[in-house]
N, C-alpha and C. Protein backbone atom coordinates (compact mmCIF):
# COMPACT_ATOMS: atom_id res chain seq x y z
N UNK A 1 -3.09 14.00 9.23
CA UNK A 1 -2.64 14.29 10.66
C UNK A 1 -1.13 13.25 10.80
N UNK A 2 -1.62 12.06 10.30
CA UNK A 2 -0.96 10.89 10.30
C UNK A 2 0.53 11.18 9.56
N UNK A 3 0.42 11.76 8.61
CA UNK A 3 1.47 11.80 7.67
C UNK A 3 2.10 12.98 7.87
N UNK A 4 1.65 14.16 8.73
CA UNK A 4 2.54 15.23 8.97
C UNK A 4 3.25 14.55 10.15
N UNK A 5 2.66 13.76 10.99
CA UNK A 5 3.75 13.06 12.06
C UNK A 5 4.64 12.23 11.65
N UNK A 6 4.49 11.58 10.74
CA UNK A 6 5.28 10.52 10.06
C UNK A 6 6.45 11.32 9.18
N UNK A 7 5.90 12.55 8.50
CA UNK A 7 7.07 13.30 7.70
C UNK A 7 7.94 13.97 8.90
N UNK A 8 7.84 14.20 10.07
CA UNK A 8 8.50 14.65 11.01
C UNK A 8 9.21 13.81 11.79
N UNK A 9 8.81 12.69 12.16
CA UNK A 9 9.29 11.58 13.36
C UNK A 9 9.93 10.59 12.29
N UNK A 10 9.47 10.26 10.99
CA UNK A 10 9.83 9.08 10.39
C UNK A 10 10.03 9.12 8.82
N UNK A 11 10.83 10.26 8.46
CA UNK A 11 10.82 10.71 7.06
C UNK A 11 11.20 9.70 6.11
N UNK A 12 12.16 8.80 6.65
CA UNK A 12 12.35 7.49 5.60
C UNK A 12 11.13 6.54 5.38
N UNK A 13 10.15 6.70 5.93
CA UNK A 13 8.79 5.86 5.50
C UNK A 13 7.89 6.48 5.00
N UNK A 14 8.13 7.88 4.71
CA UNK A 14 6.89 8.70 3.97
C UNK A 14 6.53 8.24 2.59
N UNK A 15 7.48 7.85 1.91
CA UNK A 15 7.38 7.24 0.61
C UNK A 15 6.53 6.14 0.39
N UNK A 16 7.07 5.33 1.54
CA UNK A 16 6.17 3.73 1.57
C UNK A 16 4.67 3.90 1.89
N UNK A 17 4.74 4.67 2.97
CA UNK A 17 3.19 5.13 3.29
C UNK A 17 2.48 5.71 2.28
N UNK A 18 2.96 6.54 1.62
CA UNK A 18 2.25 7.45 0.76
C UNK A 18 1.84 6.48 -0.56
N UNK A 19 2.76 5.47 -0.77
CA UNK A 19 2.24 4.58 -1.86
C UNK A 19 1.03 3.64 -1.27
N UNK A 20 1.52 3.18 -0.13
CA UNK A 20 0.38 2.25 0.58
C UNK A 20 -1.18 2.91 0.56
N UNK A 21 -0.99 4.18 0.62
CA UNK A 21 -2.50 4.66 1.06
C UNK A 21 -2.68 5.86 -0.10
N UNK A 22 -2.20 5.45 -1.12
CA UNK A 22 -2.43 6.74 -2.49
C UNK A 22 -3.77 6.58 -2.85
N UNK A 23 -4.85 5.62 -2.58
CA UNK A 23 -5.94 5.73 -3.05
C UNK A 23 -6.98 6.36 -2.06
N UNK A 24 -6.52 6.70 -0.65
CA UNK A 24 -7.35 6.86 0.34
C UNK A 24 -6.93 6.07 1.47
N UNK A 25 -7.76 6.10 2.61
CA UNK A 25 -7.53 5.52 3.77
C UNK A 25 -7.36 3.89 3.61
N UNK A 26 -7.90 3.46 2.72
CA UNK A 26 -7.64 1.67 2.89
C UNK A 26 -6.41 1.65 1.97
N UNK A 27 -5.68 0.50 2.44
CA UNK A 27 -4.46 0.05 1.46
C UNK A 27 -4.82 -0.62 0.43
N UNK A 28 -3.94 -1.16 -0.41
CA UNK A 28 -3.78 -1.96 -1.34
C UNK A 28 -4.48 -3.58 -0.87
N UNK A 29 -5.52 -4.23 -1.70
CA UNK A 29 -5.87 -5.37 -1.29
C UNK A 29 -4.79 -6.45 -1.04
N UNK A 30 -3.73 -6.60 -1.76
CA UNK A 30 -2.32 -7.40 -1.43
C UNK A 30 -1.89 -7.12 -0.16
N UNK A 31 -2.05 -6.12 0.11
CA UNK A 31 -1.17 -5.55 1.47
C UNK A 31 -2.09 -5.84 2.57
N UNK A 32 -3.48 -5.57 2.34
CA UNK A 32 -4.13 -6.09 3.34
C UNK A 32 -4.35 -7.56 3.80
N UNK A 33 -4.45 -8.19 2.63
CA UNK A 33 -4.42 -9.62 2.44
C UNK A 33 -2.93 -10.24 3.30
N UNK A 34 -1.87 -9.50 3.39
CA UNK A 34 -0.48 -9.94 3.87
C UNK A 34 -0.58 -9.73 5.29
N UNK A 35 -1.21 -8.47 5.76
CA UNK A 35 -1.31 -7.86 7.17
C UNK A 35 -2.29 -8.86 7.82
N UNK A 36 -3.31 -9.56 7.27
CA UNK A 36 -4.32 -10.48 7.59
C UNK A 36 -3.69 -11.65 7.88
N UNK A 37 -2.82 -12.50 7.03
CA UNK A 37 -2.26 -13.55 7.19
C UNK A 37 -1.12 -13.26 8.39
N UNK A 38 -0.49 -12.27 8.59
CA UNK A 38 0.40 -12.22 9.58
C UNK A 38 -0.20 -11.89 10.94
N UNK A 39 -1.18 -11.30 10.84
CA UNK A 39 -1.89 -10.59 12.35
C UNK A 39 -3.30 -11.60 12.90
N UNK A 40 -3.61 -12.40 12.18
CA UNK A 40 -4.65 -13.45 12.53
C UNK A 40 -4.09 -14.64 13.37
N UNK A 41 -2.98 -15.00 13.01
CA UNK A 41 -2.40 -16.15 14.08
C UNK A 41 -1.97 -15.58 15.08
N UNK A 42 -1.44 -14.37 15.07
CA UNK A 42 -0.96 -13.74 16.49
C UNK A 42 -2.20 -13.34 17.48
N UNK A 43 -3.22 -13.07 16.70
CA UNK A 43 -4.59 -12.61 17.72
C UNK A 43 -4.91 -13.97 18.28
N UNK A 44 -5.01 -14.96 17.38
CA UNK A 44 -5.42 -16.24 18.00
C UNK A 44 -4.62 -16.81 18.90
N UNK A 45 -3.24 -16.44 18.75
CA UNK A 45 -2.14 -17.09 19.87
C UNK A 45 -2.53 -16.54 21.31
N UNK A 46 -2.70 -15.13 21.47
CA UNK A 46 -2.69 -14.49 22.28
C UNK A 46 -4.26 -14.08 22.72
N UNK A 47 -5.22 -15.05 22.37
CA UNK A 47 -6.27 -14.91 23.11
C UNK A 47 -7.28 -13.66 22.40
N UNK A 48 -6.73 -12.94 21.52
CA UNK A 48 -7.56 -11.80 21.25
C UNK A 48 -8.76 -12.03 20.07
N UNK A 49 -9.87 -11.21 20.14
CA UNK A 49 -10.85 -11.54 19.21
C UNK A 49 -10.40 -11.46 17.49
N UNK A 50 -10.77 -12.22 16.73
CA UNK A 50 -10.47 -11.67 15.43
C UNK A 50 -11.41 -11.01 14.84
N UNK A 51 -11.34 -10.15 14.12
CA UNK A 51 -12.37 -9.19 13.31
C UNK A 51 -13.34 -10.05 12.80
N UNK A 52 -14.69 -9.50 12.89
CA UNK A 52 -15.59 -9.95 12.08
C UNK A 52 -16.16 -8.97 11.25
N UNK A 53 -17.40 -9.52 10.34
CA UNK A 53 -17.92 -8.59 9.65
C UNK A 53 -18.51 -7.27 10.40
N UNK A 54 -18.93 -7.58 11.33
CA UNK A 54 -19.66 -6.30 12.22
C UNK A 54 -18.31 -5.42 12.82
N UNK A 55 -17.15 -5.89 13.09
CA UNK A 55 -16.14 -5.22 13.46
C UNK A 55 -15.67 -4.40 12.00
N UNK A 56 -15.40 -5.00 11.17
CA UNK A 56 -14.82 -4.36 10.07
C UNK A 56 -15.78 -3.42 9.46
N UNK A 57 -17.12 -3.30 9.51
CA UNK A 57 -18.18 -2.48 9.09
C UNK A 57 -18.02 -1.33 10.31
N UNK A 58 -17.58 -1.21 11.40
CA UNK A 58 -17.38 -0.09 12.14
C UNK A 58 -16.33 0.84 11.46
N UNK A 59 -15.49 0.26 10.77
CA UNK A 59 -14.34 0.93 10.19
C UNK A 59 -14.62 1.51 8.82
N UNK A 60 -15.63 1.17 8.32
CA UNK A 60 -15.80 1.21 6.78
C UNK A 60 -15.99 2.82 6.46
N UNK A 61 -15.30 3.07 5.17
CA UNK A 61 -15.04 4.38 4.79
C UNK A 61 -15.76 4.67 3.62
N UNK A 62 -15.58 5.98 3.26
CA UNK A 62 -16.22 6.27 1.66
C UNK A 62 -17.42 5.57 1.64
N UNK A 63 -18.32 5.79 2.33
CA UNK A 63 -19.75 5.42 2.18
C UNK A 63 -20.19 4.00 2.08
N UNK A 64 -19.30 3.28 2.50
CA UNK A 64 -19.64 1.77 2.10
C UNK A 64 -20.79 1.34 3.20
N UNK A 65 -21.08 1.96 4.10
CA UNK A 65 -22.11 1.65 5.03
C UNK A 65 -23.50 2.82 4.61
N UNK A 66 -23.02 3.58 3.74
CA UNK A 66 -24.29 4.49 3.35
C UNK A 66 -24.34 5.56 4.28
N UNK A 67 -25.16 6.63 4.10
CA UNK A 67 -25.26 7.78 4.98
C UNK A 67 -25.88 7.56 6.22
N UNK A 68 -25.30 8.21 7.21
CA UNK A 68 -26.27 8.07 8.45
C UNK A 68 -27.43 8.61 8.46
N UNK A 69 -28.44 8.29 9.21
CA UNK A 69 -29.56 8.75 8.87
C UNK A 69 -29.59 10.47 9.77
N UNK A 70 -30.49 11.28 9.11
CA UNK A 70 -30.20 12.73 9.85
C UNK A 70 -30.73 12.45 11.13
N UNK A 71 -30.21 13.39 12.14
CA UNK A 71 -30.78 13.32 13.61
C UNK A 71 -32.49 13.76 13.48
N UNK A 72 -33.25 13.16 14.37
CA UNK A 72 -34.18 13.65 14.44
C UNK A 72 -34.57 14.76 15.28
N UNK A 73 -35.37 15.53 14.99
CA UNK A 73 -35.30 16.92 15.81
C UNK A 73 -36.40 16.59 17.15
N UNK A 74 -35.79 17.07 18.18
CA UNK A 74 -36.66 16.98 19.29
C UNK A 74 -38.03 17.66 19.37
N UNK A 75 -38.69 17.14 20.07
CA UNK A 75 -40.18 17.67 20.21
C UNK A 75 -40.47 17.98 21.66
N UNK A 76 -41.02 19.18 22.12
CA UNK A 76 -41.40 19.74 23.48
C UNK A 76 -42.30 18.70 24.08
N UNK A 77 -42.92 17.88 23.38
CA UNK A 77 -44.08 17.13 24.29
C UNK A 77 -43.92 15.70 23.79
């Protein structure tokens, strides 16, 4: 959905984002490292919480957290 929006509203950025996300929803490690170095000082400056392991796990993709447990079937009694 994002790439459809990007193609319509910002076609000049499409090639850049396609390269960044070529392997899925996670960008290349160097790009993540650069963004973290830029964003963490801003988060600290404005009193926003820094992501921690628990936060990052909420956004884990491609099975990094494992499969969710199947829902338990309700009982009548």
